[in-house]
């Protein structure tokens, strides 16, 4: 009996999938007009009704899927996330009392329609991303264009940069407007998590523009393809073999069956870390969980995402040197923790989590061991943080840190050491640092974070491999052995290729800037290039 409905269900699902894609595009377009342009009240009202209509159609199509499904249990299991979104969307649209009960008082002061619109745009964007994943499978774009991991990486950065620049040009994104060059620079800086700015993020961008910037460096830190494929895995119930092979190379994961889970876990780990960080930052500034301050929490969330993604963007004009936070010890400690957590890389976290899980569950014959890469990353990170803190402390204690207590000098030194590795925040005026400290900061910025992390740079493993090769050469050793394992020649060649390539790029760009800006300090120009 059930088999009779299967062809009808498959046909209906195909039609509804296409309808959902149209809904997604329409919703995102309307959302951009609704918030991106100054419109007359009647236009706002019309767009609001249009979004309500889209929400109702989305709820209706999910109900139709349920009516035609041949197996109810399988339907709920395969579409659990879509059904959850429909339930939440239904509550948002039709149950203001429920929203008022669960949300803090400050949030209930917002128009429920705005909550519905934001939530609907988010869900539709995710669903549209999932549909794009399915379309890529069907058209076999990846195979036709020989989408190698390196090309995929370029596309995954170029796409959000261009889209971000276009969105930052929207009238409601800035206070006094923005030129195309400034919009492109800001978008590039956010996606590439450099922290370089040409405009004041606090004064020149509206809350909408600041939200766009936060989304851009979240995408840059996590990776647009990781985000898209994670939700594609979530909504599409798996990844095709070609996608698994492609992402296994990007994630350095040999087990193809684990790729889909890892993609989603990367996203989940990031959101959990940023959520915990935002809560701690909110509390550190006097925020109360019983009397919730919505705007203070948004500021905390912005800085939590920026710190974890090593982006360096701040809503304070003076970065973390602003009077409201520079003396806040808990605030700076949380920021440092987020920077380190984002900079060690997900593979390290995933490996340590597996080891910890085996220890807690006391699994027999456990196969989860601390990998060589994990040990090297942790040791290199510790050494860099310790040496960086020590050198800054020694050089600045008799310079710009004079007058500070020893504990405060250590805090400032540690923060400079941590944030220099691509985060870009400053708790102390950079221009007051000594010449020697600037070189230490430049060196730390050049190294950056660890592989598969939100940080940039040539990566800690690259430096570790190069250092091990140097020490082995000085000792006259024929093999490079670390933690009982030999480092392959291929790893050595890759490390030196990265180092040589980065130095070459830095020399060329620095030389060009020195020629174009002869009046500027050469150290300042080199500092900006490395940053």
Protein backbone atom coordinates (compact mmCIF):
# COMPACT_ATOMS: atom_id res chain seq x y z
CA UNK A 1 0.00 0.00 0.00
CA UNK A 2 2.80 2.38 0.95
CA UNK A 3 4.70 1.70 -2.27
CA UNK A 4 1.80 3.16 -4.27
CA UNK A 5 2.44 6.58 -2.72
CA UNK A 6 6.22 6.59 -3.17
CA UNK A 7 6.25 7.80 -6.83
CA UNK A 8 3.75 10.52 -5.93
CA UNK A 9 5.82 11.50 -2.90
CA UNK A 10 9.04 11.70 -4.93
CA UNK A 11 7.38 13.84 -7.59
CA UNK A 12 5.79 16.13 -5.00
CA UNK A 13 9.11 16.45 -3.14
CA UNK A 14 10.89 17.52 -6.32
CA UNK A 15 8.30 20.21 -7.01
CA UNK A 16 8.37 21.41 -3.42
CA UNK A 17 12.19 21.52 -3.41
CA UNK A 18 12.10 23.90 -6.36
CA UNK A 19 9.40 25.95 -4.64
CA UNK A 20 11.56 26.22 -1.51
CA UNK A 21 14.49 27.47 -3.58
CA UNK A 22 12.27 30.19 -5.06
CA UNK A 23 11.06 31.05 -1.56
CA UNK A 24 14.63 31.33 -0.36
CA UNK A 25 15.70 33.71 -3.12
CA UNK A 26 12.54 35.80 -2.73
CA UNK A 27 12.87 36.00 1.04
CA UNK A 28 16.52 37.07 0.97
CA UNK A 29 15.78 39.68 -1.72
CA UNK A 30 12.86 41.14 0.21
CA UNK A 31 14.88 41.08 3.42
CA UNK A 32 17.66 43.11 1.75
CA UNK A 33 15.16 45.73 0.58
CA UNK A 34 13.40 45.74 3.95
CA UNK A 35 16.52 46.51 5.97
CA UNK A 36 18.94 47.84 3.36
CA UNK A 37 17.03 50.82 1.98
CA UNK A 38 15.13 53.74 3.53
CA UNK A 39 11.56 53.12 2.37
CA UNK A 40 8.16 54.67 2.96
CA UNK A 41 6.05 53.12 5.75
CA UNK A 42 3.54 51.64 3.30
CA UNK A 43 6.37 49.90 1.41
CA UNK A 44 7.67 48.45 4.66
CA UNK A 45 4.17 47.18 5.41
CA UNK A 46 3.84 45.60 1.97
CA UNK A 47 7.20 43.85 2.27
CA UNK A 48 6.25 42.65 5.74
CA UNK A 49 3.06 41.09 4.40
CA UNK A 50 5.04 39.51 1.57
CA UNK A 51 7.38 37.89 4.08
CA UNK A 52 4.43 36.65 6.08
CA UNK A 53 3.07 35.12 2.90
CA UNK A 54 6.37 33.38 2.21
CA UNK A 55 6.38 32.03 5.76
CA UNK A 56 2.88 30.63 5.35
CA UNK A 57 3.78 28.99 2.03
CA UNK A 58 6.86 27.42 3.61
CA UNK A 59 4.77 26.02 6.46
CA UNK A 60 2.17 24.77 3.97
CA UNK A 61 4.73 22.97 1.78
CA UNK A 62 6.11 21.12 4.78
CA UNK A 63 2.57 20.10 5.73
CA UNK A 64 2.01 18.80 2.18
CA UNK A 65 5.18 16.72 2.41
CA UNK A 66 3.80 15.17 5.57
CA UNK A 67 0.49 14.33 3.88
CA UNK A 68 2.15 12.58 0.94
CA UNK A 69 4.92 10.80 2.87
CA UNK A 70 4.65 6.99 2.61
CA UNK A 71 6.49 6.38 5.90
CA UNK A 72 5.90 8.84 8.73
CA UNK A 73 8.82 7.71 10.92
CA UNK A 74 11.27 7.96 8.05
CA UNK A 75 9.86 11.36 7.12
CA UNK A 76 10.35 12.77 10.62
CA UNK A 77 13.83 11.28 10.87
CA UNK A 78 15.00 12.61 7.50
CA UNK A 79 13.42 16.08 7.81
CA UNK A 80 13.78 16.69 11.52
CA UNK A 81 15.52 20.04 11.12
CA UNK A 82 13.02 21.39 8.58
CA UNK A 83 10.14 20.33 10.81
CA UNK A 84 11.79 21.98 13.81
CA UNK A 85 12.19 25.22 11.85
CA UNK A 86 8.54 25.10 10.78
CA UNK A 87 7.38 24.66 14.39
CA UNK A 88 9.54 27.56 15.59
CA UNK A 89 8.48 29.73 12.67
CA UNK A 90 4.83 28.97 13.36
CA UNK A 91 5.30 29.96 17.01
CA UNK A 92 7.06 33.17 16.01
CA UNK A 93 4.35 34.20 13.57
CA UNK A 94 1.26 33.30 15.51
CA UNK A 95 2.08 33.09 19.22
CA UNK A 96 3.26 36.41 20.61
CA UNK A 97 2.43 35.17 24.13
CA UNK A 98 4.84 32.24 23.71
CA UNK A 99 7.56 34.56 22.45
CA UNK A 100 6.97 36.93 25.37
CA UNK A 101 7.22 34.05 27.83
CA UNK A 102 10.53 32.67 26.60
CA UNK A 103 12.36 35.87 25.60
CA UNK A 104 13.71 38.55 27.99
CA UNK A 105 11.71 41.74 28.52
CA UNK A 106 14.03 43.82 26.35
CA UNK A 107 13.53 41.46 23.42
CA UNK A 108 9.75 41.49 23.73
CA UNK A 109 9.84 45.24 23.20
CA UNK A 110 10.90 44.53 19.63
CA UNK A 111 8.25 44.10 16.99
CA UNK A 112 7.43 40.40 16.71
CA UNK A 113 7.36 40.91 12.96
CA UNK A 114 11.04 41.87 13.00
CA UNK A 115 11.86 38.68 14.90
CA UNK A 116 9.89 36.65 12.38
CA UNK A 117 11.55 38.36 9.41
CA UNK A 118 15.07 37.84 10.76
CA UNK A 119 14.38 34.24 11.66
CA UNK A 120 12.71 33.52 8.33
CA UNK A 121 15.57 35.07 6.36
CA UNK A 122 18.07 32.96 8.29
CA UNK A 123 16.21 29.69 7.78
CA UNK A 124 15.54 30.40 4.13
CA UNK A 125 19.19 31.25 3.52
CA UNK A 126 20.25 27.96 5.06
CA UNK A 127 17.67 26.05 3.05
CA UNK A 128 18.74 27.85 -0.11
CA UNK A 129 22.36 26.87 0.63
CA UNK A 130 21.28 23.27 1.00
CA UNK A 131 19.45 23.45 -2.31
CA UNK A 132 22.60 24.82 -3.94
CA UNK A 133 24.49 21.79 -2.65
CA UNK A 134 21.93 19.53 -4.27
CA UNK A 135 22.12 21.48 -7.53
CA UNK A 136 25.90 21.11 -7.59
CA UNK A 137 25.47 17.38 -7.26
CA UNK A 138 22.99 17.16 -10.09
CA UNK A 139 24.91 19.33 -12.52
CA UNK A 140 28.27 17.81 -11.58
CA UNK A 141 29.85 21.25 -11.58
CA UNK A 142 32.66 20.06 -9.36
CA UNK A 143 33.75 17.45 -11.88
CA UNK A 144 33.30 19.59 -15.02
CA UNK A 145 35.45 22.42 -13.67
CA UNK A 146 37.95 20.15 -11.91
CA UNK A 147 37.29 21.90 -8.61
CA UNK A 148 40.47 21.12 -6.71
CA UNK A 149 40.80 22.09 -3.03
CA UNK A 150 43.00 25.09 -3.92
CA UNK A 151 40.47 26.41 -6.45
CA UNK A 152 37.63 25.77 -4.04
CA UNK A 153 39.48 27.81 -1.42
CA UNK A 154 39.83 30.76 -3.82
CA UNK A 155 36.14 30.63 -4.75
CA UNK A 156 35.10 30.33 -1.11
CA UNK A 157 36.92 33.59 -0.31
CA UNK A 158 36.15 35.57 -3.47
CA UNK A 159 32.39 34.97 -3.34
CA UNK A 160 31.67 36.40 0.15
CA UNK A 161 34.13 39.27 -0.42
CA UNK A 162 32.24 40.50 -3.49
CA UNK A 163 28.81 39.90 -1.96
CA UNK A 164 29.90 41.56 1.28
CA UNK A 165 31.14 44.66 -0.55
CA UNK A 166 27.81 44.95 -2.36
CA UNK A 167 25.84 44.60 0.89
CA UNK A 168 28.01 47.19 2.68
CA UNK A 169 27.09 49.62 -0.10
CA UNK A 170 23.43 49.46 0.97
CA UNK A 171 22.26 52.88 2.23
CA UNK A 172 21.24 51.59 5.65
CA UNK A 173 24.58 49.84 6.26
CA UNK A 174 26.57 53.03 6.89
CA UNK A 175 25.96 56.38 8.54
CA UNK A 176 27.22 58.64 5.73
CA UNK A 177 27.63 56.22 2.83
CA UNK A 178 30.73 54.36 1.69
CA UNK A 179 32.73 54.21 -1.54
CA UNK A 180 33.18 51.01 -3.52
CA UNK A 181 36.90 50.83 -2.70
CA UNK A 182 36.29 51.22 1.04
CA UNK A 183 33.46 48.67 0.91
CA UNK A 184 35.66 46.18 -0.94
CA UNK A 185 38.56 46.76 1.47
CA UNK A 186 36.35 46.33 4.54
CA UNK A 187 34.76 43.18 3.12
CA UNK A 188 38.16 41.74 2.18
CA UNK A 189 39.62 42.57 5.59
CA UNK A 190 36.66 40.93 7.34
CA UNK A 191 36.61 37.76 5.24
CA UNK A 192 40.41 37.41 5.41
CA UNK A 193 40.25 38.21 9.17
CA UNK A 194 43.05 40.78 9.05
CA UNK A 195 41.42 43.38 11.31
CA UNK A 196 42.60 46.25 9.10
CA UNK A 197 40.06 49.06 8.80
CA UNK A 198 39.75 52.25 6.79
CA UNK A 199 36.58 53.38 8.58
CA UNK A 200 35.57 53.43 12.24
CA UNK A 201 33.41 50.34 12.77
CA UNK A 202 31.63 51.97 15.70
CA UNK A 203 30.94 55.41 14.24
CA UNK A 204 30.75 54.91 10.47
CA UNK A 205 28.62 51.75 10.33
CA UNK A 206 25.05 51.31 11.48
CA UNK A 207 23.97 48.26 13.53
CA UNK A 208 23.04 46.62 10.23
CA UNK A 209 26.50 47.33 8.78
CA UNK A 210 28.17 46.04 11.94
CA UNK A 211 26.09 42.87 11.71
CA UNK A 212 27.17 42.39 8.09
CA UNK A 213 30.83 42.80 9.07
CA UNK A 214 30.38 40.24 11.86
CA UNK A 215 28.82 37.81 9.39
CA UNK A 216 31.72 38.34 6.99
CA UNK A 217 34.48 37.59 9.48
CA UNK A 218 32.44 34.66 10.79
CA UNK A 219 32.38 33.32 7.24
CA UNK A 220 36.07 34.09 6.83
CA UNK A 221 37.05 32.41 10.06
CA UNK A 222 34.93 29.31 9.56
CA UNK A 223 34.97 29.16 5.76
CA UNK A 224 32.01 29.71 3.44
CA UNK A 225 32.24 26.20 2.00
CA UNK A 226 32.40 24.69 5.49
CA UNK A 227 29.26 26.58 6.49
CA UNK A 228 27.40 25.78 3.28
CA UNK A 229 28.34 22.11 3.27
CA UNK A 230 27.61 21.76 6.98
CA UNK A 231 24.04 22.91 6.50
CA UNK A 232 23.92 21.03 3.23
CA UNK A 233 24.80 17.91 5.20
CA UNK A 234 22.21 18.81 7.81
CA UNK A 235 19.35 19.49 5.41
CA UNK A 236 20.31 17.20 2.54
CA UNK A 237 21.02 14.23 4.78
CA UNK A 238 24.54 13.59 3.62
CA UNK A 239 27.25 14.50 1.15
CA UNK A 240 27.94 12.93 -2.20
CA UNK A 241 31.15 10.91 -2.67
CA UNK A 242 32.79 13.65 -4.79
CA UNK A 243 32.11 16.19 -2.06
CA UNK A 244 33.48 13.84 0.60
CA UNK A 245 36.70 13.30 -1.35
CA UNK A 246 37.10 17.04 -1.96
CA UNK A 247 36.53 18.00 1.66
CA UNK A 248 38.61 15.13 3.00
CA UNK A 249 41.58 16.86 1.35
CA UNK A 250 40.63 20.23 2.81
CA UNK A 251 40.10 18.78 6.29
CA UNK A 252 43.06 16.36 6.10
CA UNK A 253 40.68 13.55 7.04
CA UNK A 254 41.40 10.12 5.58
CA UNK A 255 38.09 8.54 6.62
CA UNK A 256 35.56 9.68 4.01
CA UNK A 257 32.64 8.54 6.14
CA UNK A 258 33.61 11.07 8.82
CA UNK A 259 33.73 14.13 6.53
CA UNK A 260 30.05 15.05 6.80
CA UNK A 261 30.04 14.76 10.57
CA UNK A 262 33.26 16.73 10.91
CA UNK A 263 31.93 19.57 8.78
CA UNK A 264 28.90 19.92 11.00
CA UNK A 265 30.94 19.51 14.19
CA UNK A 266 33.31 22.30 13.11
CA UNK A 267 30.32 24.63 12.83
CA UNK A 268 28.83 23.39 16.11
CA UNK A 269 32.14 23.78 18.00
CA UNK A 270 32.53 27.31 16.67
CA UNK A 271 29.03 28.41 17.65
CA UNK A 272 29.32 26.88 21.14
CA UNK A 273 32.71 28.54 21.78
CA UNK A 274 31.45 31.90 20.56
CA UNK A 275 28.24 31.58 22.58
CA UNK A 276 30.12 30.83 25.80
CA UNK A 277 32.56 33.65 25.04
CA UNK A 278 29.76 36.13 24.40
CA UNK A 279 28.09 35.22 27.69
CA UNK A 280 31.33 35.64 29.66
CA UNK A 281 32.10 38.97 27.98
CA UNK A 282 28.56 40.14 28.73
CA UNK A 283 28.91 39.21 32.41
CA UNK A 284 32.38 40.78 32.64
CA UNK A 285 30.89 44.16 31.72
CA UNK A 286 28.25 43.95 34.42
CA UNK A 287 25.53 42.36 32.35
CA UNK A 288 22.81 40.57 34.28
CA UNK A 289 21.12 37.36 33.21
CA UNK A 290 17.97 38.30 35.11
CA UNK A 291 17.77 41.87 33.77
CA UNK A 292 19.00 41.21 30.27
CA UNK A 293 20.67 44.08 28.38
CA UNK A 294 20.15 43.25 24.71
CA UNK A 295 22.50 45.88 23.27
CA UNK A 296 25.30 45.01 25.69
CA UNK A 297 24.97 41.34 24.74
CA UNK A 298 25.13 42.20 21.02
CA UNK A 299 28.40 44.04 21.65
CA UNK A 300 29.69 41.02 23.58
CA UNK A 301 28.62 38.67 20.78
CA UNK A 302 30.37 40.84 18.17
CA UNK A 303 33.65 40.78 20.08
CA UNK A 304 33.34 37.08 20.89
CA UNK A 305 32.97 36.18 17.21
CA UNK A 306 35.74 38.61 16.26
CA UNK A 307 38.11 37.13 18.86
CA UNK A 308 37.40 33.47 18.06
CA UNK A 309 37.74 34.14 14.33
CA UNK A 310 40.94 36.13 14.98
CA UNK A 311 39.36 39.00 13.06
CA UNK A 312 40.41 41.95 15.24
CA UNK A 313 37.32 44.07 14.50
CA UNK A 314 35.98 46.03 17.46
CA UNK A 315 32.96 48.21 18.20
CA UNK A 316 35.21 50.48 20.25
CA UNK A 317 36.99 53.22 18.31
CA UNK A 318 40.19 52.59 20.28
CA UNK A 319 39.79 48.82 20.10
CA UNK A 320 40.15 47.23 23.56
CA UNK A 321 42.16 50.23 24.76
CA UNK A 322 38.82 52.00 25.19
CA UNK A 323 38.21 53.23 28.74
CA UNK A 324 35.17 50.99 29.18
CA UNK A 325 37.15 47.74 28.83
CA UNK A 326 40.93 48.31 29.05
CA UNK A 327 41.02 47.91 32.84
CA UNK A 328 38.60 44.96 32.75
CA UNK A 329 40.84 41.98 33.48
CA UNK A 330 38.15 39.33 32.94
CA UNK A 331 37.26 40.85 29.57
CA UNK A 332 40.84 40.65 28.30
CA UNK A 333 41.31 37.10 29.65
CA UNK A 334 38.16 35.89 27.86
CA UNK A 335 39.30 37.56 24.64
CA UNK A 336 42.69 35.85 24.91
CA UNK A 337 41.02 32.50 25.56
CA UNK A 338 38.83 32.88 22.48
CA UNK A 339 41.80 33.86 20.30
CA UNK A 340 43.79 30.82 21.42
CA UNK A 341 40.76 28.51 21.05
CA UNK A 342 40.17 29.71 17.51
CA UNK A 343 43.87 29.64 16.67
CA UNK A 344 44.74 26.07 17.67
CA UNK A 345 42.58 24.60 14.92
CA UNK A 346 39.62 22.26 14.92
CA UNK A 347 41.62 19.06 14.24
CA UNK A 348 43.45 19.56 17.55
CA UNK A 349 40.22 20.10 19.43
CA UNK A 350 38.57 17.12 17.72
CA UNK A 351 41.52 14.87 18.57
CA UNK A 352 41.66 15.96 22.22
CA UNK A 353 37.89 15.60 22.54
CA UNK A 354 38.12 12.02 21.28
CA UNK A 355 40.87 11.19 23.77
CA UNK A 356 38.91 12.80 26.63
CA UNK A 357 35.75 10.94 25.63
CA UNK A 358 37.59 7.61 25.73
CA UNK A 359 39.06 8.45 29.13
CA UNK A 360 35.70 9.40 30.63
CA UNK A 361 33.81 6.45 29.16
CA UNK A 362 36.74 4.13 29.91
CA UNK A 363 36.43 2.57 26.49
CA UNK A 364 38.39 -0.65 26.16
CA UNK A 365 40.84 -1.04 23.33
CA UNK A 366 40.54 2.67 22.60
CA UNK A 367 42.07 3.68 19.31
CA UNK A 368 41.93 7.43 19.92
CA UNK A 369 45.47 8.64 20.55
CA UNK A 370 46.93 12.12 20.73
CA UNK A 371 48.20 12.71 17.20
CA UNK A 372 51.69 13.93 16.42
CA UNK A 373 50.22 17.05 14.78
CA UNK A 374 48.24 17.79 17.94
CA UNK A 375 51.34 17.53 20.14
CA UNK A 376 53.36 19.73 17.78
CA UNK A 377 50.61 22.36 17.60
CA UNK A 378 50.18 22.52 21.38
CA UNK A 379 53.92 22.66 22.07
CA UNK A 380 54.56 25.28 19.39
CA UNK A 381 51.62 27.38 20.58
CA UNK A 382 52.86 27.24 24.18
CA UNK A 383 56.44 28.12 23.22
CA UNK A 384 55.34 31.06 21.05
CA UNK A 385 53.03 32.42 23.75
CA UNK A 386 55.68 32.06 26.46
CA UNK A 387 58.52 33.54 24.40
CA UNK A 388 56.31 36.31 23.04
CA UNK A 389 55.10 37.29 26.51
CA UNK A 390 58.61 37.14 27.96
CA UNK A 391 60.20 39.22 25.19
CA UNK A 392 57.49 41.90 25.26
CA UNK A 393 57.72 42.07 29.07
CA UNK A 394 61.52 42.46 29.01
CA UNK A 395 61.49 45.10 26.26
CA UNK A 396 58.55 47.20 27.46
CA UNK A 397 59.02 47.01 31.24
CA UNK A 398 61.61 49.80 30.97
CA UNK A 399 59.79 51.59 28.18
CA UNK A 400 56.06 52.16 27.68
CA UNK A 401 55.04 49.88 30.59
CA UNK A 402 56.84 52.02 33.18
CA UNK A 403 54.49 52.95 36.00
CA UNK A 404 52.39 49.79 35.68
CA UNK A 405 52.35 47.07 38.32
CA UNK A 406 54.19 43.83 37.55
CA UNK A 407 50.92 41.90 37.19
CA UNK A 408 49.55 44.54 34.81
CA UNK A 409 52.76 44.42 32.75
CA UNK A 410 52.42 40.63 32.49
CA UNK A 411 48.77 40.97 31.43
CA UNK A 412 49.63 43.52 28.77
CA UNK A 413 52.59 41.43 27.55
CA UNK A 414 50.51 38.27 27.37
CA UNK A 415 47.73 40.05 25.49
CA UNK A 416 50.17 41.46 22.93
CA UNK A 417 51.72 38.01 22.47
CA UNK A 418 48.33 36.33 22.01
CA UNK A 419 46.65 38.92 19.82
CA UNK A 420 49.67 39.45 17.56
CA UNK A 421 49.15 36.04 15.98
CA UNK A 422 46.57 37.48 13.53
CA UNK A 423 43.85 38.61 15.98
CA UNK A 424 44.61 42.33 15.67
CA UNK A 425 43.11 43.62 18.94
CA UNK A 426 45.14 46.03 21.00
CA UNK A 427 44.93 46.58 24.74
CA UNK A 428 47.86 48.98 24.58
CA UNK A 429 48.61 51.72 22.00
CA UNK A 430 50.63 50.05 19.26
CA UNK A 431 52.39 53.31 18.39
CA UNK A 432 53.92 53.46 21.88
CA UNK A 433 55.68 50.08 21.54
CA UNK A 434 59.44 50.05 21.18
CA UNK A 435 61.26 49.28 17.94
CA UNK A 436 62.33 45.86 19.23
CA UNK A 437 58.82 44.90 20.35
CA UNK A 438 57.45 45.78 16.93
CA UNK A 439 59.78 43.20 15.39
CA UNK A 440 58.54 40.57 17.86
CA UNK A 441 54.95 41.44 16.95
CA UNK A 442 55.76 41.25 13.23
CA UNK A 443 57.34 37.82 13.69
CA UNK A 444 54.31 36.53 15.63
CA UNK A 445 51.92 37.95 13.02
CA UNK A 446 53.90 36.21 10.28
CA UNK A 447 53.61 32.84 12.04
CA UNK A 448 49.90 33.16 12.82
CA UNK A 449 47.81 30.24 14.05
CA UNK A 450 47.61 26.52 13.44
CA UNK A 451 46.37 24.57 10.40
CA UNK A 452 42.58 24.37 9.96
CA UNK A 453 42.09 27.23 12.41
CA UNK A 454 40.43 30.63 12.10
CA UNK A 455 43.84 32.35 12.20
CA UNK A 456 46.06 33.27 9.29
CA UNK A 457 49.83 33.28 8.91
CA UNK A 458 52.18 30.58 7.65
CA UNK A 459 50.96 28.33 10.53
CA UNK A 460 52.63 26.95 13.64
CA UNK A 461 53.29 23.51 12.14
CA UNK A 462 55.25 25.09 9.30
CA UNK A 463 57.54 26.89 11.75
CA UNK A 464 57.85 23.77 13.91
CA UNK A 465 58.90 21.60 10.96
CA UNK A 466 61.41 24.22 9.79
CA UNK A 467 62.88 24.51 13.30
CA UNK A 468 63.18 20.73 13.66
CA UNK A 469 64.93 20.57 10.30
CA UNK A 470 67.37 23.30 11.37
CA UNK A 471 68.23 21.58 14.67
CA UNK A 472 68.61 18.21 12.92
CA UNK A 473 70.97 19.77 10.37
CA UNK A 474 73.10 21.39 13.10
CA UNK A 475 73.32 18.03 14.87
CA UNK A 476 74.23 16.26 11.64
CA UNK A 477 71.20 13.97 11.86
CA UNK A 478 70.00 12.30 8.67
CA UNK A 479 66.41 11.92 9.85
CA UNK A 480 64.04 14.32 11.61
CA UNK A 481 62.23 12.51 14.40
CA UNK A 482 59.68 14.09 16.74
CA UNK A 483 57.64 12.23 19.38
CA UNK A 484 58.92 8.95 17.96
CA UNK A 485 57.76 9.68 14.40
CA UNK A 486 59.82 10.68 11.38
CA UNK A 487 58.86 13.79 9.43
CA UNK A 488 58.67 13.05 5.72
CA UNK A 489 60.60 14.91 3.03
CA UNK A 490 57.29 15.98 1.48
CA UNK A 491 56.35 17.79 4.71
CA UNK A 492 59.74 19.53 4.73
CA UNK A 493 59.40 20.65 1.12
CA UNK A 494 55.88 21.95 1.78
CA UNK A 495 57.00 23.87 4.87
CA UNK A 496 59.91 25.57 3.10
CA UNK A 497 57.76 26.32 0.06
CA UNK A 498 55.26 28.12 2.30
CA UNK A 499 58.00 30.05 4.08
CA UNK A 500 59.74 31.04 0.86
CA UNK A 501 56.48 32.02 -0.83
CA UNK A 502 55.31 34.15 2.09
CA UNK A 503 58.67 35.95 2.38
CA UNK A 504 58.68 36.63 -1.36
CA UNK A 505 55.17 38.12 -1.23
CA UNK A 506 56.05 40.26 1.79
CA UNK A 507 59.19 41.60 0.08
CA UNK A 508 57.34 42.45 -3.13
CA UNK A 509 54.36 44.12 -1.44
CA UNK A 510 56.52 45.96 1.10
CA UNK A 511 58.76 47.22 -1.68
CA UNK A 512 55.76 48.45 -3.65
CA UNK A 513 54.36 50.33 -0.64
CA UNK A 514 57.74 51.89 0.14
CA UNK A 515 57.90 53.20 -3.43
CA UNK A 516 54.29 54.44 -3.34
CA UNK A 517 54.53 55.95 0.17
CA UNK A 518 58.13 57.25 0.52
CA UNK A 519 57.14 59.65 3.31
CA UNK A 520 55.86 56.87 5.59
CA UNK A 521 58.02 54.94 8.04
CA UNK A 522 59.34 51.73 6.48
CA UNK A 523 58.74 49.82 9.70
CA UNK A 524 55.11 50.99 9.76
CA UNK A 525 54.61 49.88 6.15
CA UNK A 526 56.17 46.46 6.77
CA UNK A 527 54.04 46.14 9.91
CA UNK A 528 50.86 46.78 7.90
CA UNK A 529 51.88 44.37 5.13
CA UNK A 530 52.52 41.51 7.54
CA UNK A 531 49.32 42.31 9.40
